[in-house]
Amino acid sequence: MRILFVDDHHLVRDALTWFLCKSDESIDVVGAGNVAEALGRADAEFDLVLLDYKMPGLSGLPAIQAIQEGFPEAPIIVLSGAVTHAEACQALDAGVAGVISKDVAGDQLWDAIRSHMNGVSSISPSIGEAAAPGSPALPVALSKRELQVANLLVAGHPNKTIANMLGIAEITVRLNLRQIYRKLGARSRTDAVRMMMQRST
């Protein structure tokens, strides 16, 4: 797996590169200090882009759009220490695969990256909790169990964790998610999370 990590802090880049390579020897991390430097590597292929949301120069949504244009085949995960709920919604709406706060533990970050590579979008729990202190304010009728699953979905938990927290089978979680997607008209997990976060503002 080749990862392009765009962050203006050398120490953060070095620490995360060391951690990811230690977690999986097959990972190759290429660092860039800003979007312009990252785009200078647009001739290379990457499986994933980790992008700091706030950096000197091009930042925020314009940075996301530039990276999407430069690396159209690579999914983007926003990794930031200061992303707000509103900014997370905007990033999801712009098409990023996930939004992760830098306050997560290393193993949680690695789990989120692996989950994404398996087709499961990732939302940092701290961001999700801010977005959903109670039940999502949805204009559709969800059952009590569906609301519980929806809250944990927004908080960024994978299906297995949701099942353990609610004391139900993982297949039951998947069935509830299918119903939630249908009621929301969501096309994917990321789409459902984005819709619920926007409606809880």
C-alpha atoms as a PDB file:
ATOM      1  CA  MET A   1       0.000   0.000   0.000  1.00  0.00           C
ATOM      2  CA  ARG A   2       1.396   3.393  -0.990  1.00  0.00           C
ATOM      3  CA  ILE A   3       0.200   6.314   1.126  1.00  0.00           C
ATOM      4  CA  LEU A   4       0.757   9.991   0.422  1.00  0.00           C
ATOM      5  CA  PHE A   5       0.771  11.901   3.722  1.00  0.00           C
ATOM      6  CA  VAL A   6       0.327  15.665   3.355  1.00  0.00           C
ATOM      7  CA  ASP A   7       1.054  17.581   6.582  1.00  0.00           C
ATOM      8  CA  ASP A   8       3.123  20.684   7.275  1.00  0.00           C
ATOM      9  CA  HIS A   9       4.552  19.342  10.563  1.00  0.00           C
ATOM     10  CA  HIS A  10       7.722  17.297  10.028  1.00  0.00           C
ATOM     11  CA  LEU A  11       7.469  15.613  13.426  1.00  0.00           C
ATOM     12  CA  VAL A  12       3.906  14.466  12.777  1.00  0.00           C
ATOM     13  CA  ARG A  13       4.850  13.107   9.348  1.00  0.00           C
ATOM     14  CA  ASP A  14       7.884  11.282  10.711  1.00  0.00           C
ATOM     15  CA  ALA A  15       6.010   9.805  13.678  1.00  0.00           C
ATOM     16  CA  LEU A  16       3.052   8.609  11.638  1.00  0.00           C
ATOM     17  CA  THR A  17       5.280   7.242   8.888  1.00  0.00           C
ATOM     18  CA  TRP A  18       7.244   5.242  11.465  1.00  0.00           C
ATOM     19  CA  PHE A  19       4.049   3.943  13.079  1.00  0.00           C
ATOM     20  CA  LEU A  20       2.375   2.881   9.832  1.00  0.00           C
ATOM     21  CA  CYS A  21       5.481   1.167   8.475  1.00  0.00           C
ATOM     22  CA  LYS A  22       5.911  -0.594  11.817  1.00  0.00           C
ATOM     23  CA  SER A  23       2.270  -1.717  11.723  1.00  0.00           C
ATOM     24  CA  ASP A  24       2.605  -3.224   8.242  1.00  0.00           C
ATOM     25  CA  GLU A  25       5.912  -3.726   6.436  1.00  0.00           C
ATOM     26  CA  SER A  26       4.135  -3.629   3.067  1.00  0.00           C
ATOM     27  CA  ILE A  27       3.213   0.056   3.566  1.00  0.00           C
ATOM     28  CA  ASP A  28       5.214   2.750   1.793  1.00  0.00           C
ATOM     29  CA  VAL A  29       4.558   6.298   3.050  1.00  0.00           C
ATOM     30  CA  VAL A  30       5.584   9.343   1.004  1.00  0.00           C
ATOM     31  CA  GLY A  31       5.477  12.675   2.825  1.00  0.00           C
ATOM     32  CA  ALA A  32       4.693  16.161   1.551  1.00  0.00           C
ATOM     33  CA  GLY A  33       4.756  19.404   3.516  1.00  0.00           C
ATOM     34  CA  ASN A  34       1.970  21.123   1.586  1.00  0.00           C
ATOM     35  CA  VAL A  35      -0.449  20.633  -1.296  1.00  0.00           C
ATOM     36  CA  ALA A  36       1.919  22.101  -3.887  1.00  0.00           C
ATOM     37  CA  GLU A  37       4.636  19.629  -2.884  1.00  0.00           C
ATOM     38  CA  ALA A  38       2.102  16.789  -2.984  1.00  0.00           C
ATOM     39  CA  LEU A  39       0.952  17.738  -6.482  1.00  0.00           C
ATOM     40  CA  GLY A  40       4.574  17.574  -7.581  1.00  0.00           C
ATOM     41  CA  ARG A  41       4.219  13.810  -7.121  1.00  0.00           C
ATOM     42  CA  ALA A  42       1.052  13.564  -9.238  1.00  0.00           C
ATOM     43  CA  ASP A  43       2.841  11.293 -11.706  1.00  0.00           C
ATOM     44  CA  ALA A  44       3.060   8.590  -9.004  1.00  0.00           C
ATOM     45  CA  GLU A  45       0.259   6.239  -8.002  1.00  0.00           C
ATOM     46  CA  PHE A  46      -1.023   6.106  -4.429  1.00  0.00           C
ATOM     47  CA  ASP A  47      -3.598   3.857  -2.758  1.00  0.00           C
ATOM     48  CA  LEU A  48      -4.567   6.502  -0.184  1.00  0.00           C
ATOM     49  CA  VAL A  49      -3.966  10.169   0.630  1.00  0.00           C
ATOM     50  CA  LEU A  50      -3.879  11.329   4.261  1.00  0.00           C
ATOM     51  CA  LEU A  51      -4.484  15.084   4.158  1.00  0.00           C
ATOM     52  CA  ASP A  52      -4.162  17.602   6.971  1.00  0.00           C
ATOM     53  CA  TYR A  53      -7.193  19.906   6.783  1.00  0.00           C
ATOM     54  CA  LYS A  54      -5.481  23.130   7.875  1.00  0.00           C
ATOM     55  CA  MET A  55      -2.039  24.030   6.530  1.00  0.00           C
ATOM     56  CA  PRO A  56      -0.214  27.131   5.324  1.00  0.00           C
ATOM     57  CA  GLY A  57      -1.019  27.847   1.692  1.00  0.00           C
ATOM     58  CA  LEU A  58      -3.789  25.845   0.084  1.00  0.00           C
ATOM     59  CA  SER A  59      -6.000  24.431   2.832  1.00  0.00           C
ATOM     60  CA  GLY A  60      -9.487  23.154   3.644  1.00  0.00           C
ATOM     61  CA  LEU A  61     -11.901  22.433   0.796  1.00  0.00           C
ATOM     62  CA  PRO A  62      -9.657  23.958  -1.911  1.00  0.00           C
ATOM     63  CA  ALA A  63      -6.882  21.598  -0.788  1.00  0.00           C
ATOM     64  CA  ILE A  64      -9.252  18.617  -0.999  1.00  0.00           C
ATOM     65  CA  GLN A  65     -10.348  19.612  -4.489  1.00  0.00           C
ATOM     66  CA  ALA A  66      -6.751  20.066  -5.644  1.00  0.00           C
ATOM     67  CA  ILE A  67      -5.738  16.649  -4.316  1.00  0.00           C
ATOM     68  CA  GLN A  68      -8.794  15.063  -5.931  1.00  0.00           C
ATOM     69  CA  GLU A  69      -7.794  16.549  -9.286  1.00  0.00           C
ATOM     70  CA  GLY A  70      -4.151  15.572  -8.889  1.00  0.00           C
ATOM     71  CA  PHE A  71      -4.853  12.039  -7.641  1.00  0.00           C
ATOM     72  CA  PRO A  72      -8.310  11.125  -9.002  1.00  0.00           C
ATOM     73  CA  GLU A  73      -7.929   7.401  -8.252  1.00  0.00           C
ATOM     74  CA  ALA A  74      -6.754   7.776  -4.643  1.00  0.00           C
ATOM     75  CA  PRO A  75      -9.299   8.044  -1.822  1.00  0.00           C
ATOM     76  CA  ILE A  76      -8.667  10.835   0.684  1.00  0.00           C
ATOM     77  CA  ILE A  77      -8.852  10.665   4.462  1.00  0.00           C
ATOM     78  CA  VAL A  78      -8.750  14.027   6.209  1.00  0.00           C
ATOM     79  CA  LEU A  79      -6.513  13.885   9.274  1.00  0.00           C
ATOM     80  CA  SER A  80      -6.623  17.021  11.421  1.00  0.00           C
ATOM     81  CA  GLY A  81      -6.176  18.253  14.947  1.00  0.00           C
ATOM     82  CA  ALA A  82      -8.596  21.155  14.559  1.00  0.00           C
ATOM     83  CA  VAL A  83     -11.406  20.069  12.261  1.00  0.00           C
ATOM     84  CA  THR A  84     -14.870  21.210  13.346  1.00  0.00           C
ATOM     85  CA  HIS A  85     -18.162  19.406  12.939  1.00  0.00           C
ATOM     86  CA  ALA A  86     -19.206  21.770  10.146  1.00  0.00           C
ATOM     87  CA  GLU A  87     -15.871  21.308   8.353  1.00  0.00           C
ATOM     88  CA  ALA A  88     -16.168  17.528   8.674  1.00  0.00           C
ATOM     89  CA  CYS A  89     -19.609  17.692   7.032  1.00  0.00           C
ATOM     90  CA  GLN A  90     -18.226  19.849   4.231  1.00  0.00           C
ATOM     91  CA  ALA A  91     -15.307  17.478   3.681  1.00  0.00           C
ATOM     92  CA  LEU A  92     -17.614  14.465   3.513  1.00  0.00           C
ATOM     93  CA  ASP A  93     -19.889  16.335   1.142  1.00  0.00           C
ATOM     94  CA  ALA A  94     -16.848  17.078  -1.037  1.00  0.00           C
ATOM     95  CA  GLY A  95     -16.239  13.362  -1.371  1.00  0.00           C
ATOM     96  CA  VAL A  96     -13.521  12.425   1.117  1.00  0.00           C
ATOM     97  CA  ALA A  97     -13.582   8.860   2.410  1.00  0.00           C
ATOM     98  CA  GLY A  98     -13.340   9.814   6.076  1.00  0.00           C
ATOM     99  CA  VAL A  99     -12.462  12.446   8.646  1.00  0.00           C
ATOM    100  CA  ILE A 100     -10.183  11.478  11.526  1.00  0.00           C
ATOM    101  CA  SER A 101      -9.073  13.656  14.421  1.00  0.00           C
ATOM    102  CA  LYS A 102      -5.385  13.612  15.351  1.00  0.00           C
ATOM    103  CA  ASP A 103      -6.375  12.909  18.949  1.00  0.00           C
ATOM    104  CA  VAL A 104      -7.055   9.242  18.134  1.00  0.00           C
ATOM    105  CA  ALA A 105      -4.616   6.598  19.323  1.00  0.00           C
ATOM    106  CA  GLY A 106      -2.271   5.087  16.764  1.00  0.00           C
ATOM    107  CA  ASP A 107      -4.034   1.729  16.694  1.00  0.00           C
ATOM    108  CA  GLN A 108      -7.379   3.486  16.140  1.00  0.00           C
ATOM    109  CA  LEU A 109      -5.941   5.356  13.173  1.00  0.00           C
ATOM    110  CA  TRP A 110      -4.555   2.149  11.700  1.00  0.00           C
ATOM    111  CA  ASP A 111      -7.911   0.408  12.238  1.00  0.00           C
ATOM    112  CA  ALA A 112      -9.660   3.287  10.463  1.00  0.00           C
ATOM    113  CA  ILE A 113      -7.289   3.086   7.504  1.00  0.00           C
ATOM    114  CA  ARG A 114      -7.700  -0.683   7.217  1.00  0.00           C
ATOM    115  CA  SER A 115     -11.480  -0.365   7.531  1.00  0.00           C
ATOM    116  CA  HIS A 116     -11.518   2.162   4.718  1.00  0.00           C
ATOM    117  CA  MET A 117      -9.404  -0.062   2.488  1.00  0.00           C
ATOM    118  CA  ASN A 118     -12.054  -2.750   3.102  1.00  0.00           C
ATOM    119  CA  GLY A 119     -14.810  -0.378   1.971  1.00  0.00           C
ATOM    120  CA  VAL A 120     -15.905   0.982   5.372  1.00  0.00           C
ATOM    121  CA  SER A 121     -15.763   4.762   5.775  1.00  0.00           C
ATOM    122  CA  SER A 122     -14.273   6.214   8.936  1.00  0.00           C
ATOM    123  CA  ILE A 123     -15.380   9.111  11.107  1.00  0.00           C
ATOM    124  CA  SER A 124     -13.352   9.976  14.187  1.00  0.00           C
ATOM    125  CA  PRO A 125     -15.390   9.221  17.332  1.00  0.00           C
ATOM    126  CA  SER A 126     -14.596  12.625  18.871  1.00  0.00           C
ATOM    127  CA  ILE A 127     -15.986  14.372  15.792  1.00  0.00           C
ATOM    128  CA  GLY A 128     -18.983  12.069  15.656  1.00  0.00           C
ATOM    129  CA  GLU A 129     -19.838  12.602  19.306  1.00  0.00           C
ATOM    130  CA  ALA A 130     -19.838  16.347  18.786  1.00  0.00           C
ATOM    131  CA  ALA A 131     -22.165  15.863  15.878  1.00  0.00           C
ATOM    132  CA  ALA A 132     -24.577  13.534  17.632  1.00  0.00           C
ATOM    133  CA  PRO A 133     -24.959  14.149  21.382  1.00  0.00           C
ATOM    134  CA  GLY A 134     -28.354  12.457  21.243  1.00  0.00           C
ATOM    135  CA  SER A 135     -30.445  10.888  18.556  1.00  0.00           C
ATOM    136  CA  PRO A 136     -29.965  12.238  15.033  1.00  0.00           C
ATOM    137  CA  ALA A 137     -32.559  14.820  14.060  1.00  0.00           C
ATOM    138  CA  LEU A 138     -33.883  12.864  11.104  1.00  0.00           C
ATOM    139  CA  PRO A 139     -37.058  13.526   9.097  1.00  0.00           C
ATOM    140  CA  VAL A 140     -37.665   9.764   8.837  1.00  0.00           C
ATOM    141  CA  ALA A 141     -39.062   7.280  11.329  1.00  0.00           C
ATOM    142  CA  LEU A 142     -36.286   5.062  12.647  1.00  0.00           C
ATOM    143  CA  SER A 143     -36.946   2.340  15.181  1.00  0.00           C
ATOM    144  CA  LYS A 144     -35.348   2.533  18.637  1.00  0.00           C
ATOM    145  CA  ARG A 145     -32.709  -0.010  17.605  1.00  0.00           C
ATOM    146  CA  GLU A 146     -32.054   1.778  14.308  1.00  0.00           C
ATOM    147  CA  LEU A 147     -31.498   5.042  16.201  1.00  0.00           C
ATOM    148  CA  GLN A 148     -28.987   3.313  18.486  1.00  0.00           C
ATOM    149  CA  VAL A 149     -27.145   1.897  15.496  1.00  0.00           C
ATOM    150  CA  ALA A 150     -27.307   5.288  13.724  1.00  0.00           C
ATOM    151  CA  ASN A 151     -25.744   7.092  16.702  1.00  0.00           C
ATOM    152  CA  LEU A 152     -22.876   4.596  16.881  1.00  0.00           C
ATOM    153  CA  LEU A 153     -22.446   4.776  13.123  1.00  0.00           C
ATOM    154  CA  VAL A 154     -22.028   8.569  13.287  1.00  0.00           C
ATOM    155  CA  ALA A 155     -19.569   8.115  16.179  1.00  0.00           C
ATOM    156  CA  GLY A 156     -17.333   6.185  13.803  1.00  0.00           C
ATOM    157  CA  HIS A 157     -17.645   2.660  15.181  1.00  0.00           C
ATOM    158  CA  PRO A 158     -17.314  -0.359  12.834  1.00  0.00           C
ATOM    159  CA  ASN A 159     -20.071  -2.977  12.659  1.00  0.00           C
ATOM    160  CA  LYS A 160     -18.334  -5.414  15.003  1.00  0.00           C
ATOM    161  CA  THR A 161     -17.942  -2.771  17.716  1.00  0.00           C
ATOM    162  CA  ILE A 162     -21.552  -1.643  17.306  1.00  0.00           C
ATOM    163  CA  ALA A 163     -22.678  -5.255  17.726  1.00  0.00           C
ATOM    164  CA  ASN A 164     -20.608  -5.675  20.900  1.00  0.00           C
ATOM    165  CA  MET A 165     -21.793  -2.379  22.390  1.00  0.00           C
ATOM    166  CA  LEU A 166     -25.463  -3.189  21.776  1.00  0.00           C
ATOM    167  CA  GLY A 167     -25.184  -6.899  22.596  1.00  0.00           C
ATOM    168  CA  ILE A 168     -26.513  -8.012  19.216  1.00  0.00           C
ATOM    169  CA  ALA A 169     -25.208 -10.098  16.328  1.00  0.00           C
ATOM    170  CA  GLU A 170     -23.165  -8.415  13.616  1.00  0.00           C
ATOM    171  CA  ILE A 171     -25.663  -9.599  10.991  1.00  0.00           C
ATOM    172  CA  THR A 172     -28.356  -7.704  12.930  1.00  0.00           C
ATOM    173  CA  VAL A 173     -26.249  -4.538  12.700  1.00  0.00           C
ATOM    174  CA  ARG A 174     -25.957  -4.989   8.942  1.00  0.00           C
ATOM    175  CA  LEU A 175     -29.712  -5.489   8.619  1.00  0.00           C
ATOM    176  CA  ASN A 176     -30.376  -2.340  10.662  1.00  0.00           C
ATOM    177  CA  LEU A 177     -27.918  -0.385   8.542  1.00  0.00           C
ATOM    178  CA  ARG A 178     -29.657  -1.576   5.398  1.00  0.00           C
ATOM    179  CA  GLN A 179     -32.950  -0.234   6.771  1.00  0.00           C
ATOM    180  CA  ILE A 180     -31.326   3.070   7.787  1.00  0.00           C
ATOM    181  CA  TYR A 181     -29.827   3.527   4.312  1.00  0.00           C
ATOM    182  CA  ARG A 182     -33.182   2.748   2.707  1.00  0.00           C
ATOM    183  CA  LYS A 183     -35.096   5.206   4.907  1.00  0.00           C
ATOM    184  CA  LEU A 184     -32.542   7.963   4.396  1.00  0.00           C
ATOM    185  CA  GLY A 185     -32.127   7.310   0.711  1.00  0.00           C
ATOM    186  CA  ALA A 186     -28.391   6.936   1.328  1.00  0.00           C
ATOM    187  CA  ARG A 187     -26.206   5.212  -1.253  1.00  0.00           C
ATOM    188  CA  SER A 188     -23.378   4.266   1.111  1.00  0.00           C
ATOM    189  CA  ARG A 189     -22.144   4.340   4.698  1.00  0.00           C
ATOM    190  CA  THR A 190     -20.333   7.632   4.085  1.00  0.00           C
ATOM    191  CA  ASP A 191     -23.452   9.098   2.491  1.00  0.00           C
ATOM    192  CA  ALA A 192     -25.582   8.077   5.490  1.00  0.00           C
ATOM    193  CA  VAL A 193     -23.115   9.533   7.998  1.00  0.00           C
ATOM    194  CA  ARG A 194     -22.911  12.807   6.061  1.00  0.00           C
ATOM    195  CA  MET A 195     -26.708  13.111   5.937  1.00  0.00           C
ATOM    196  CA  MET A 196     -27.117  12.427   9.649  1.00  0.00           C
ATOM    197  CA  MET A 197     -24.334  14.833  10.630  1.00  0.00           C
ATOM    198  CA  GLN A 198     -25.808  17.613   8.499  1.00  0.00           C
ATOM    199  CA  ARG A 199     -29.277  17.128   9.966  1.00  0.00           C
ATOM    200  CA  SER A 200     -27.962  17.227  13.528  1.00  0.00           C
ATOM    201  CA  THR A 201     -26.531  20.747  13.138  1.00  0.00           C
END
